[in-house]
Amino acid sequence: MEYFSNRIRAKLQLFCAGVLIVVLIFACQNTSGDPSLNLQPTTDCRTVEHAFGQVCVSTEPQRLVSLENPTLADALALGVQPVGTSLFDGQMPKYLADRIGQVELLGTSDQPSLEKIVQLNPDLILGTEPSGEIIFQQLSQIAPTALGDWNGYPDWRKHFDFVANVLDKEDEAAQVWKDYVRNVDDIQTALGNQLQNTKVSIIYAYDVDITIDAENSFAGSILADVGLRRPESQAAVDGGIITISEERISEIDGDILFVSVFDPDTEKLLAEWQQKSLWNQLKAVQNNQVYVVDGDIWRGGNPIAANLLLDELLGYLTDKDA
């Protein structure tokens, strides 16, 4: 799904409802009448920078709440198990469900349940500015809250490093990056120079749109690390995403085409595009080099998804019958 495409939906309603929920719950839980007494850190804390200034975070947070898929996956990659998380569509991606223990689902990233967050008694809330901007004040009343800057998928590496800094897991992050670089090296060795003249295209089917993952998108940046070439029409753009109309189908052409889908609805949209005459004129279509991949992974925006993408990429590019 489009990253934070609904971030302004119901802003005023969410803000007002959030204030009421937080006030009511703290009124019930804190008989002293001073909600701030529940927010004093019980251990030493360290000051970290985030999108809205500074926050003092417990040196060893035990009850983390994350606000969206990449932050959740970043924490897991660093060995931290959140107690609760909101998600883009409220549903846990399968590739993360296989890696996570018991976690409370808190709704969608653009409208998380503040009541559930309070009930979890977190000692840290962690996410991105687009997810938490509107309710930052309410979240800050519940627990120390750190929100990273996020300007689209090109920021996925920077956000992982931000999460590592807030969690004081820089050593673990360094090992994650070493593992990623090793996986990139392995796929480069396996491919050799057999694809040096091959151009790879990546598109994404969602709702009523087909979009191109540009060279600086999440998947695009990984292909760039591997050294795979992209069509000129898919060069880096602000945000890493290019939305196209039916008349511009030729811009998705390449020798190999990867198509990200999420669910039956996006599969239906893809099927509709596959009936169009312009689609069937694509080189990749004519050469049977179109591969449908898991959109949750290919737009995952985190190191776990990045390594899974590399695994899938190697499988497809070394086995043309995949």
C-alpha atoms as a PDB file:
ATOM      1  CA  MET A   1       0.000   0.000   0.000  1.00  0.00           C
ATOM      2  CA  GLU A   2       1.094   3.600  -0.534  1.00  0.00           C
ATOM      3  CA  TYR A   3       3.274   4.716   2.339  1.00  0.00           C
ATOM      4  CA  PHE A   4       1.219   6.928   4.615  1.00  0.00           C
ATOM      5  CA  SER A   5      -1.180   7.753   1.770  1.00  0.00           C
ATOM      6  CA  ASN A   6      -3.981   8.357   4.287  1.00  0.00           C
ATOM      7  CA  ARG A   7      -1.978  10.377   6.825  1.00  0.00           C
ATOM      8  CA  ILE A   8      -4.410  13.327   6.857  1.00  0.00           C
ATOM      9  CA  ARG A   9      -7.549  11.212   7.070  1.00  0.00           C
ATOM     10  CA  ALA A  10      -9.674  12.114  10.056  1.00  0.00           C
ATOM     11  CA  LYS A  11      -6.948  14.236  11.672  1.00  0.00           C
ATOM     12  CA  LEU A  12      -9.249  16.366  13.779  1.00  0.00           C
ATOM     13  CA  GLN A  13     -11.375  13.423  14.846  1.00  0.00           C
ATOM     14  CA  LEU A  14      -8.326  11.420  15.856  1.00  0.00           C
ATOM     15  CA  PHE A  15      -6.797  14.316  17.759  1.00  0.00           C
ATOM     16  CA  CYS A  16      -9.948  15.039  19.762  1.00  0.00           C
ATOM     17  CA  ALA A  17     -10.650  11.382  20.453  1.00  0.00           C
ATOM     18  CA  GLY A  18      -7.045  10.825  21.486  1.00  0.00           C
ATOM     19  CA  VAL A  19      -7.049  13.644  23.986  1.00  0.00           C
ATOM     20  CA  LEU A  20     -10.254  12.354  25.555  1.00  0.00           C
ATOM     21  CA  ILE A  21      -9.005   8.764  25.779  1.00  0.00           C
ATOM     22  CA  VAL A  22      -5.700   9.688  27.359  1.00  0.00           C
ATOM     23  CA  VAL A  23      -7.288  12.038  29.888  1.00  0.00           C
ATOM     24  CA  LEU A  24      -9.959   9.526  30.896  1.00  0.00           C
ATOM     25  CA  ILE A  25      -7.606   6.592  31.250  1.00  0.00           C
ATOM     26  CA  PHE A  26      -5.044   8.495  33.249  1.00  0.00           C
ATOM     27  CA  ALA A  27      -7.809   9.846  35.445  1.00  0.00           C
ATOM     28  CA  CYS A  28      -8.824   6.276  36.261  1.00  0.00           C
ATOM     29  CA  GLN A  29      -5.300   4.926  36.688  1.00  0.00           C
ATOM     30  CA  ASN A  30      -3.745   7.774  38.649  1.00  0.00           C
ATOM     31  CA  THR A  31      -5.616   8.594  41.828  1.00  0.00           C
ATOM     32  CA  SER A  32      -3.149  11.346  42.662  1.00  0.00           C
ATOM     33  CA  GLY A  33      -4.618  13.426  39.848  1.00  0.00           C
ATOM     34  CA  ASP A  34      -1.165  14.010  38.325  1.00  0.00           C
ATOM     35  CA  PRO A  35      -0.673  11.888  35.184  1.00  0.00           C
ATOM     36  CA  SER A  36       2.970  12.887  34.941  1.00  0.00           C
ATOM     37  CA  LEU A  37       3.763  10.798  38.009  1.00  0.00           C
ATOM     38  CA  ASN A  38       3.218   7.689  35.929  1.00  0.00           C
ATOM     39  CA  LEU A  39       5.648   8.900  33.309  1.00  0.00           C
ATOM     40  CA  GLN A  40       8.775   9.407  35.397  1.00  0.00           C
ATOM     41  CA  PRO A  41      11.494   6.967  34.268  1.00  0.00           C
ATOM     42  CA  THR A  42      12.310   4.341  36.861  1.00  0.00           C
ATOM     43  CA  THR A  43      15.820   3.795  35.467  1.00  0.00           C
ATOM     44  CA  ASP A  44      18.519   5.976  34.010  1.00  0.00           C
ATOM     45  CA  CYS A  45      17.726   7.471  30.634  1.00  0.00           C
ATOM     46  CA  ARG A  46      19.683   8.827  27.679  1.00  0.00           C
ATOM     47  CA  THR A  47      18.731  11.799  25.521  1.00  0.00           C
ATOM     48  CA  VAL A  48      18.169  11.141  21.825  1.00  0.00           C
ATOM     49  CA  GLU A  49      17.313  13.467  18.941  1.00  0.00           C
ATOM     50  CA  HIS A  50      14.182  12.880  16.880  1.00  0.00           C
ATOM     51  CA  ALA A  51      11.861  14.710  14.486  1.00  0.00           C
ATOM     52  CA  PHE A  52      10.318  16.853  17.226  1.00  0.00           C
ATOM     53  CA  GLY A  53      13.383  17.627  19.286  1.00  0.00           C
ATOM     54  CA  GLN A  54      14.816  15.558  22.118  1.00  0.00           C
ATOM     55  CA  VAL A  55      13.473  12.836  24.376  1.00  0.00           C
ATOM     56  CA  CYS A  56      14.966  10.965  27.320  1.00  0.00           C
ATOM     57  CA  VAL A  57      14.725   7.225  26.663  1.00  0.00           C
ATOM     58  CA  SER A  58      15.256   4.471  29.203  1.00  0.00           C
ATOM     59  CA  THR A  59      18.665   2.880  28.788  1.00  0.00           C
ATOM     60  CA  GLU A  60      16.998  -0.529  28.489  1.00  0.00           C
ATOM     61  CA  PRO A  61      13.380  -0.117  27.322  1.00  0.00           C
ATOM     62  CA  GLN A  62      11.390  -3.268  28.037  1.00  0.00           C
ATOM     63  CA  ARG A  63       7.950  -2.402  26.666  1.00  0.00           C
ATOM     64  CA  LEU A  64       8.314  -0.932  23.195  1.00  0.00           C
ATOM     65  CA  VAL A  65       5.359   0.132  21.057  1.00  0.00           C
ATOM     66  CA  SER A  66       6.029   0.655  17.338  1.00  0.00           C
ATOM     67  CA  LEU A  67       3.813   2.647  15.010  1.00  0.00           C
ATOM     68  CA  GLU A  68       4.318   1.090  11.565  1.00  0.00           C
ATOM     69  CA  ASN A  69       5.743  -1.887   9.678  1.00  0.00           C
ATOM     70  CA  PRO A  70       9.323  -0.674   9.078  1.00  0.00           C
ATOM     71  CA  THR A  71       9.821   0.367  12.719  1.00  0.00           C
ATOM     72  CA  LEU A  72       8.485  -2.976  13.930  1.00  0.00           C
ATOM     73  CA  ALA A  73      10.800  -4.878  11.578  1.00  0.00           C
ATOM     74  CA  ASP A  74      13.774  -2.678  12.465  1.00  0.00           C
ATOM     75  CA  ALA A  75      13.282  -3.455  16.150  1.00  0.00           C
ATOM     76  CA  LEU A  76      13.035  -7.174  15.423  1.00  0.00           C
ATOM     77  CA  ALA A  77      16.194  -7.049  13.314  1.00  0.00           C
ATOM     78  CA  LEU A  78      17.959  -5.539  16.335  1.00  0.00           C
ATOM     79  CA  GLY A  79      16.683  -8.250  18.664  1.00  0.00           C
ATOM     80  CA  VAL A  80      13.980  -6.165  20.350  1.00  0.00           C
ATOM     81  CA  GLN A  81      10.455  -7.601  20.681  1.00  0.00           C
ATOM     82  CA  PRO A  82       7.745  -4.884  20.843  1.00  0.00           C
ATOM     83  CA  VAL A  83       4.744  -5.448  23.094  1.00  0.00           C
ATOM     84  CA  GLY A  84       2.436  -3.711  20.636  1.00  0.00           C
ATOM     85  CA  THR A  85       2.380  -2.247  17.153  1.00  0.00           C
ATOM     86  CA  SER A  86       0.127  -0.483  14.706  1.00  0.00           C
ATOM     87  CA  LEU A  87       0.477  -1.468  11.045  1.00  0.00           C
ATOM     88  CA  PHE A  88      -0.233   0.127   7.679  1.00  0.00           C
ATOM     89  CA  ASP A  89      -3.411  -1.867   7.112  1.00  0.00           C
ATOM     90  CA  GLY A  90      -3.744  -3.261  10.627  1.00  0.00           C
ATOM     91  CA  GLN A  91      -2.616  -6.722   9.497  1.00  0.00           C
ATOM     92  CA  MET A  92       0.701  -8.402  10.283  1.00  0.00           C
ATOM     93  CA  PRO A  93       2.709  -9.231   7.120  1.00  0.00           C
ATOM     94  CA  LYS A  94       3.408 -12.928   6.899  1.00  0.00           C
ATOM     95  CA  TYR A  95       7.168 -12.513   6.714  1.00  0.00           C
ATOM     96  CA  LEU A  96       7.084 -10.666  10.055  1.00  0.00           C
ATOM     97  CA  ALA A  97       4.489 -12.929  11.656  1.00  0.00           C
ATOM     98  CA  ASP A  98       6.966 -15.781  11.244  1.00  0.00           C
ATOM     99  CA  ARG A  99       9.570 -13.824  13.231  1.00  0.00           C
ATOM    100  CA  ILE A 100       7.609 -12.251  16.056  1.00  0.00           C
ATOM    101  CA  GLY A 101       6.303 -13.478  19.355  1.00  0.00           C
ATOM    102  CA  GLN A 102       3.140 -12.334  21.088  1.00  0.00           C
ATOM    103  CA  VAL A 103       2.323  -8.741  20.192  1.00  0.00           C
ATOM    104  CA  GLU A 104      -0.788  -6.592  20.611  1.00  0.00           C
ATOM    105  CA  LEU A 105      -2.141  -5.204  17.336  1.00  0.00           C
ATOM    106  CA  LEU A 106      -3.090  -1.564  17.804  1.00  0.00           C
ATOM    107  CA  GLY A 107      -4.923  -0.787  14.574  1.00  0.00           C
ATOM    108  CA  THR A 108      -3.693   1.079  11.512  1.00  0.00           C
ATOM    109  CA  SER A 109      -0.670   3.352  11.461  1.00  0.00           C
ATOM    110  CA  ASP A 110      -2.759   6.390  10.548  1.00  0.00           C
ATOM    111  CA  GLN A 111      -5.204   5.744  13.410  1.00  0.00           C
ATOM    112  CA  PRO A 112      -3.702   3.617  16.194  1.00  0.00           C
ATOM    113  CA  SER A 113      -5.744   2.869  19.298  1.00  0.00           C
ATOM    114  CA  LEU A 114      -4.479   5.200  22.019  1.00  0.00           C
ATOM    115  CA  GLU A 115      -6.557   3.318  24.572  1.00  0.00           C
ATOM    116  CA  LYS A 116      -4.761   0.059  23.795  1.00  0.00           C
ATOM    117  CA  ILE A 117      -1.391   1.820  23.863  1.00  0.00           C
ATOM    118  CA  VAL A 118      -2.097   3.170  27.351  1.00  0.00           C
ATOM    119  CA  GLN A 119      -3.194  -0.251  28.561  1.00  0.00           C
ATOM    120  CA  LEU A 120       0.115  -1.751  27.390  1.00  0.00           C
ATOM    121  CA  ASN A 121       2.003   0.613  29.732  1.00  0.00           C
ATOM    122  CA  PRO A 122       4.897   1.131  27.300  1.00  0.00           C
ATOM    123  CA  ASP A 123       8.199   2.650  28.338  1.00  0.00           C
ATOM    124  CA  LEU A 124       8.971   3.769  24.754  1.00  0.00           C
ATOM    125  CA  ILE A 125       6.916   4.603  21.665  1.00  0.00           C
ATOM    126  CA  LEU A 126       8.873   4.553  18.438  1.00  0.00           C
ATOM    127  CA  GLY A 127       7.877   5.363  14.880  1.00  0.00           C
ATOM    128  CA  THR A 128       8.058   7.836  12.027  1.00  0.00           C
ATOM    129  CA  GLU A 129       6.959  11.446  11.829  1.00  0.00           C
ATOM    130  CA  PRO A 130       4.113  10.778   9.331  1.00  0.00           C
ATOM    131  CA  SER A 131       2.550   8.139  11.612  1.00  0.00           C
ATOM    132  CA  GLY A 132       2.855   9.990  14.897  1.00  0.00           C
ATOM    133  CA  GLU A 133       2.816  13.691  14.039  1.00  0.00           C
ATOM    134  CA  ILE A 134      -0.877  14.349  14.682  1.00  0.00           C
ATOM    135  CA  ILE A 135      -0.990  12.482  17.993  1.00  0.00           C
ATOM    136  CA  PHE A 136       2.538  13.221  19.188  1.00  0.00           C
ATOM    137  CA  GLN A 137       1.366  15.159  22.253  1.00  0.00           C
ATOM    138  CA  GLN A 138      -0.970  12.373  23.336  1.00  0.00           C
ATOM    139  CA  LEU A 139       1.685   9.725  22.764  1.00  0.00           C
ATOM    140  CA  SER A 140       4.205  11.751  24.766  1.00  0.00           C
ATOM    141  CA  GLN A 141       1.810  11.767  27.706  1.00  0.00           C
ATOM    142  CA  ILE A 142       1.735   7.975  27.643  1.00  0.00           C
ATOM    143  CA  ALA A 143       5.481   7.283  27.312  1.00  0.00           C
ATOM    144  CA  PRO A 144       8.691   8.788  25.929  1.00  0.00           C
ATOM    145  CA  THR A 145       8.076   9.036  22.182  1.00  0.00           C
ATOM    146  CA  ALA A 146      10.692   9.231  19.429  1.00  0.00           C
ATOM    147  CA  LEU A 147       9.654   9.794  15.808  1.00  0.00           C
ATOM    148  CA  GLY A 148      12.120   9.574  12.952  1.00  0.00           C
ATOM    149  CA  ASP A 149      12.044  11.740   9.845  1.00  0.00           C
ATOM    150  CA  TRP A 150      10.578   9.872   6.896  1.00  0.00           C
ATOM    151  CA  ASN A 151      10.282  11.149   3.340  1.00  0.00           C
ATOM    152  CA  GLY A 152       9.424   7.882   1.647  1.00  0.00           C
ATOM    153  CA  TYR A 153      11.162   4.595   0.878  1.00  0.00           C
ATOM    154  CA  PRO A 154      14.541   6.187   0.092  1.00  0.00           C
ATOM    155  CA  ASP A 155      14.832   6.781   3.873  1.00  0.00           C
ATOM    156  CA  TRP A 156      14.682   3.126   4.878  1.00  0.00           C
ATOM    157  CA  ARG A 157      18.381   2.845   5.763  1.00  0.00           C
ATOM    158  CA  LYS A 158      18.398   6.120   7.682  1.00  0.00           C
ATOM    159  CA  HIS A 159      15.323   5.045   9.652  1.00  0.00           C
ATOM    160  CA  PHE A 160      16.915   1.738  10.631  1.00  0.00           C
ATOM    161  CA  ASP A 161      19.950   3.607  11.959  1.00  0.00           C
ATOM    162  CA  PHE A 162      17.599   5.972  13.821  1.00  0.00           C
ATOM    163  CA  VAL A 163      15.816   3.042  15.494  1.00  0.00           C
ATOM    164  CA  ALA A 164      19.170   1.526  16.414  1.00  0.00           C
ATOM    165  CA  ASN A 165      20.280   4.804  17.977  1.00  0.00           C
ATOM    166  CA  VAL A 166      17.102   5.216  20.031  1.00  0.00           C
ATOM    167  CA  LEU A 167      17.324   1.624  21.248  1.00  0.00           C
ATOM    168  CA  ASP A 168      21.073   1.961  21.900  1.00  0.00           C
ATOM    169  CA  LYS A 169      21.712  -0.964  19.554  1.00  0.00           C
ATOM    170  CA  GLU A 170      24.431   0.467  17.302  1.00  0.00           C
ATOM    171  CA  ASP A 171      26.628  -2.638  17.620  1.00  0.00           C
ATOM    172  CA  GLU A 172      23.742  -4.882  16.628  1.00  0.00           C
ATOM    173  CA  ALA A 173      22.959  -2.543  13.719  1.00  0.00           C
ATOM    174  CA  ALA A 174      26.545  -2.765  12.486  1.00  0.00           C
ATOM    175  CA  GLN A 175      26.223  -6.552  12.382  1.00  0.00           C
ATOM    176  CA  VAL A 176      22.902  -6.296  10.489  1.00  0.00           C
ATOM    177  CA  TRP A 177      24.592  -4.146   7.834  1.00  0.00           C
ATOM    178  CA  LYS A 178      27.544  -6.554   7.619  1.00  0.00           C
ATOM    179  CA  ASP A 179      25.132  -9.421   6.987  1.00  0.00           C
ATOM    180  CA  TYR A 180      23.334  -7.400   4.313  1.00  0.00           C
ATOM    181  CA  VAL A 181      26.582  -6.496   2.524  1.00  0.00           C
ATOM    182  CA  ARG A 182      27.657 -10.139   2.620  1.00  0.00           C
ATOM    183  CA  ASN A 183      24.348 -11.167   1.015  1.00  0.00           C
ATOM    184  CA  VAL A 184      24.806  -8.533  -1.701  1.00  0.00           C
ATOM    185  CA  ASP A 185      28.328  -9.819  -2.350  1.00  0.00           C
ATOM    186  CA  ASP A 186      27.028 -13.392  -2.582  1.00  0.00           C
ATOM    187  CA  ILE A 187      24.439 -12.531  -5.207  1.00  0.00           C
ATOM    188  CA  GLN A 188      26.970 -10.512  -7.202  1.00  0.00           C
ATOM    189  CA  THR A 189      29.286 -13.506  -7.200  1.00  0.00           C
ATOM    190  CA  ALA A 190      26.494 -15.866  -8.230  1.00  0.00           C
ATOM    191  CA  LEU A 191      25.347 -13.642 -11.098  1.00  0.00           C
ATOM    192  CA  GLY A 192      28.769 -12.674 -12.350  1.00  0.00           C
ATOM    193  CA  ASN A 193      28.448 -10.581 -15.494  1.00  0.00           C
ATOM    194  CA  GLN A 194      25.613 -12.545 -17.050  1.00  0.00           C
ATOM    195  CA  LEU A 195      23.135  -9.690 -16.540  1.00  0.00           C
ATOM    196  CA  GLN A 196      25.403  -6.732 -17.291  1.00  0.00           C
ATOM    197  CA  ASN A 197      23.304  -5.777 -20.326  1.00  0.00           C
ATOM    198  CA  THR A 198      19.954  -6.594 -18.704  1.00  0.00           C
ATOM    199  CA  LYS A 199      17.563  -3.906 -17.494  1.00  0.00           C
ATOM    200  CA  VAL A 200      15.237  -4.774 -14.599  1.00  0.00           C
ATOM    201  CA  SER A 201      11.897  -3.064 -13.982  1.00  0.00           C
ATOM    202  CA  ILE A 202       9.860  -3.062 -10.750  1.00  0.00           C
ATOM    203  CA  ILE A 203       6.196  -2.090 -10.521  1.00  0.00           C
ATOM    204  CA  TYR A 204       3.585  -2.201  -7.825  1.00  0.00           C
ATOM    205  CA  ALA A 205      -0.146  -2.829  -8.137  1.00  0.00           C
ATOM    206  CA  TYR A 206      -2.367  -1.235  -5.517  1.00  0.00           C
ATOM    207  CA  ASP A 207      -5.927   0.078  -5.371  1.00  0.00           C
ATOM    208  CA  VAL A 208      -6.484   1.651  -8.809  1.00  0.00           C
ATOM    209  CA  ASP A 209      -2.860   2.513  -9.558  1.00  0.00           C
ATOM    210  CA  ILE A 210       0.164   0.944 -11.087  1.00  0.00           C
ATOM    211  CA  THR A 211       3.337   2.593  -9.834  1.00  0.00           C
ATOM    212  CA  ILE A 212       7.005   2.188 -10.660  1.00  0.00           C
ATOM    213  CA  ASP A 213       9.546   1.626  -7.914  1.00  0.00           C
ATOM    214  CA  ALA A 214      12.271   4.017  -9.047  1.00  0.00           C
ATOM    215  CA  GLU A 215      15.998   3.503  -8.660  1.00  0.00           C
ATOM    216  CA  ASN A 216      15.999   5.079  -5.186  1.00  0.00           C
ATOM    217  CA  SER A 217      12.963   3.172  -3.879  1.00  0.00           C
ATOM    218  CA  PHE A 218      13.406   0.382  -1.342  1.00  0.00           C
ATOM    219  CA  ALA A 219      13.617  -2.426  -3.904  1.00  0.00           C
ATOM    220  CA  GLY A 220      15.319  -0.150  -6.414  1.00  0.00           C
ATOM    221  CA  SER A 221      18.112   0.716  -3.997  1.00  0.00           C
ATOM    222  CA  ILE A 222      18.754  -2.974  -3.357  1.00  0.00           C
ATOM    223  CA  LEU A 223      18.953  -3.707  -7.080  1.00  0.00           C
ATOM    224  CA  ALA A 224      21.389  -0.787  -7.344  1.00  0.00           C
ATOM    225  CA  ASP A 225      23.547  -2.337  -4.602  1.00  0.00           C
ATOM    226  CA  VAL A 226      23.628  -5.581  -6.580  1.00  0.00           C
ATOM    227  CA  GLY A 227      24.589  -3.630  -9.705  1.00  0.00           C
ATOM    228  CA  LEU A 228      21.511  -4.336 -11.805  1.00  0.00           C
ATOM    229  CA  ARG A 229      20.592  -1.727 -14.386  1.00  0.00           C
ATOM    230  CA  ARG A 230      17.205   0.029 -14.632  1.00  0.00           C
ATOM    231  CA  PRO A 231      15.360   1.592 -17.604  1.00  0.00           C
ATOM    232  CA  GLU A 232      16.074   5.317 -17.969  1.00  0.00           C
ATOM    233  CA  SER A 233      12.411   6.101 -17.218  1.00  0.00           C
ATOM    234  CA  GLN A 234      12.905   4.636 -13.725  1.00  0.00           C
ATOM    235  CA  ALA A 235      15.702   6.918 -12.527  1.00  0.00           C
ATOM    236  CA  ALA A 236      15.594   8.270  -8.972  1.00  0.00           C
ATOM    237  CA  VAL A 237      12.738  10.646  -8.115  1.00  0.00           C
ATOM    238  CA  ASP A 238      11.581  12.365  -4.944  1.00  0.00           C
ATOM    239  CA  GLY A 239       9.959   9.692  -2.771  1.00  0.00           C
ATOM    240  CA  GLY A 240      11.164   6.871  -5.017  1.00  0.00           C
ATOM    241  CA  ILE A 241       7.733   6.195  -6.522  1.00  0.00           C
ATOM    242  CA  ILE A 242       6.386   7.019 -10.008  1.00  0.00           C
ATOM    243  CA  THR A 243       2.638   6.741 -10.651  1.00  0.00           C
ATOM    244  CA  ILE A 244       1.703   5.951 -14.237  1.00  0.00           C
ATOM    245  CA  SER A 245      -1.449   5.815 -16.325  1.00  0.00           C
ATOM    246  CA  GLU A 246      -2.389   3.166 -18.868  1.00  0.00           C
ATOM    247  CA  GLU A 247      -0.994   5.304 -21.677  1.00  0.00           C
ATOM    248  CA  ARG A 248       2.460   5.170 -20.050  1.00  0.00           C
ATOM    249  CA  ILE A 249       2.696   1.382 -19.776  1.00  0.00           C
ATOM    250  CA  SER A 250       5.756   1.443 -22.043  1.00  0.00           C
ATOM    251  CA  GLU A 251       7.695   3.105 -19.184  1.00  0.00           C
ATOM    252  CA  ILE A 252       7.590  -0.101 -17.151  1.00  0.00           C
ATOM    253  CA  ASP A 253       9.317  -2.092 -19.872  1.00  0.00           C
ATOM    254  CA  GLY A 254      12.547  -3.916 -19.196  1.00  0.00           C
ATOM    255  CA  ASP A 255      14.186  -7.239 -19.944  1.00  0.00           C
ATOM    256  CA  ILE A 256      12.876  -8.543 -16.615  1.00  0.00           C
ATOM    257  CA  LEU A 257       9.775  -7.256 -14.840  1.00  0.00           C
ATOM    258  CA  PHE A 258       8.980  -7.758 -11.144  1.00  0.00           C
ATOM    259  CA  VAL A 259       5.388  -7.007 -10.101  1.00  0.00           C
ATOM    260  CA  SER A 260       4.610  -6.489  -6.409  1.00  0.00           C
ATOM    261  CA  VAL A 261       1.131  -7.406  -5.169  1.00  0.00           C
ATOM    262  CA  PHE A 262      -0.359  -7.564  -1.677  1.00  0.00           C
ATOM    263  CA  ASP A 263      -3.747  -9.221  -1.774  1.00  0.00           C
ATOM    264  CA  PRO A 264      -6.546 -10.494  -4.069  1.00  0.00           C
ATOM    265  CA  ASP A 265      -7.582  -6.925  -4.891  1.00  0.00           C
ATOM    266  CA  THR A 266      -4.159  -6.030  -6.234  1.00  0.00           C
ATOM    267  CA  GLU A 267      -3.999  -9.332  -8.080  1.00  0.00           C
ATOM    268  CA  LYS A 268      -7.299  -8.384  -9.734  1.00  0.00           C
ATOM    269  CA  LEU A 269      -5.888  -5.000 -10.762  1.00  0.00           C
ATOM    270  CA  LEU A 270      -2.837  -6.699 -12.232  1.00  0.00           C
ATOM    271  CA  ALA A 271      -5.063  -9.108 -14.144  1.00  0.00           C
ATOM    272  CA  GLU A 272      -6.922  -6.145 -15.647  1.00  0.00           C
ATOM    273  CA  TRP A 273      -3.691  -4.542 -16.808  1.00  0.00           C
ATOM    274  CA  GLN A 274      -2.548  -7.826 -18.293  1.00  0.00           C
ATOM    275  CA  GLN A 275      -5.528  -7.707 -20.647  1.00  0.00           C
ATOM    276  CA  LYS A 276      -4.430  -4.402 -22.155  1.00  0.00           C
ATOM    277  CA  SER A 277      -2.780  -4.469 -25.575  1.00  0.00           C
ATOM    278  CA  LEU A 278       0.065  -2.175 -24.490  1.00  0.00           C
ATOM    279  CA  TRP A 279       0.928  -4.571 -21.668  1.00  0.00           C
ATOM    280  CA  ASN A 280       1.334  -7.452 -24.076  1.00  0.00           C
ATOM    281  CA  GLN A 281       3.757  -5.399 -26.150  1.00  0.00           C
ATOM    282  CA  LEU A 282       6.241  -5.221 -23.278  1.00  0.00           C
ATOM    283  CA  LYS A 283       9.533  -7.013 -23.917  1.00  0.00           C
ATOM    284  CA  ALA A 284       9.463  -8.806 -20.568  1.00  0.00           C
ATOM    285  CA  VAL A 285       5.921 -10.049 -21.229  1.00  0.00           C
ATOM    286  CA  GLN A 286       6.795 -11.327 -24.684  1.00  0.00           C
ATOM    287  CA  ASN A 287       9.888 -13.098 -23.339  1.00  0.00           C
ATOM    288  CA  ASN A 288       8.040 -14.601 -20.357  1.00  0.00           C
ATOM    289  CA  GLN A 289      10.225 -12.729 -17.874  1.00  0.00           C
ATOM    290  CA  VAL A 290       7.496 -11.341 -15.598  1.00  0.00           C
ATOM    291  CA  TYR A 291       7.581 -12.411 -11.956  1.00  0.00           C
ATOM    292  CA  VAL A 292       4.891 -11.661  -9.371  1.00  0.00           C
ATOM    293  CA  VAL A 293       6.439 -11.056  -5.944  1.00  0.00           C
ATOM    294  CA  ASP A 294       5.283 -10.353  -2.388  1.00  0.00           C
ATOM    295  CA  GLY A 295       4.673  -6.616  -2.058  1.00  0.00           C
ATOM    296  CA  ASP A 296       5.075  -6.752   1.731  1.00  0.00           C
ATOM    297  CA  ILE A 297       8.679  -7.797   1.175  1.00  0.00           C
ATOM    298  CA  TRP A 298       9.509  -5.798  -1.956  1.00  0.00           C
ATOM    299  CA  ARG A 299       8.233  -2.647  -0.259  1.00  0.00           C
ATOM    300  CA  GLY A 300       9.193  -3.670   3.253  1.00  0.00           C
ATOM    301  CA  GLY A 301      11.555  -0.795   3.981  1.00  0.00           C
ATOM    302  CA  ASN A 302      13.723  -2.675   6.500  1.00  0.00           C
ATOM    303  CA  PRO A 303      16.751  -5.012   6.619  1.00  0.00           C
ATOM    304  CA  ILE A 304      14.695  -8.170   7.201  1.00  0.00           C
ATOM    305  CA  ALA A 305      12.732  -7.532   4.012  1.00  0.00           C
ATOM    306  CA  ALA A 306      15.918  -6.490   2.199  1.00  0.00           C
ATOM    307  CA  ASN A 307      17.592  -9.834   2.829  1.00  0.00           C
ATOM    308  CA  LEU A 308      14.456 -11.753   1.860  1.00  0.00           C
ATOM    309  CA  LEU A 309      14.273  -9.705  -1.334  1.00  0.00           C
ATOM    310  CA  LEU A 310      17.869 -10.631  -2.133  1.00  0.00           C
ATOM    311  CA  ASP A 311      17.046 -14.300  -1.637  1.00  0.00           C
ATOM    312  CA  GLU A 312      14.054 -14.052  -3.975  1.00  0.00           C
ATOM    313  CA  LEU A 313      16.013 -12.034  -6.515  1.00  0.00           C
ATOM    314  CA  LEU A 314      18.774 -14.622  -6.678  1.00  0.00           C
ATOM    315  CA  GLY A 315      16.210 -17.392  -7.140  1.00  0.00           C
ATOM    316  CA  TYR A 316      14.466 -15.651 -10.013  1.00  0.00           C
ATOM    317  CA  LEU A 317      17.579 -14.479 -11.822  1.00  0.00           C
ATOM    318  CA  THR A 318      19.406 -17.814 -11.639  1.00  0.00           C
ATOM    319  CA  ASP A 319      16.374 -19.969 -12.419  1.00  0.00           C
ATOM    320  CA  LYS A 320      14.482 -18.662 -15.418  1.00  0.00           C
ATOM    321  CA  ASP A 321      11.799 -21.289 -14.843  1.00  0.00           C
ATOM    322  CA  ALA A 322      11.022 -19.884 -11.341  1.00  0.00           C
END
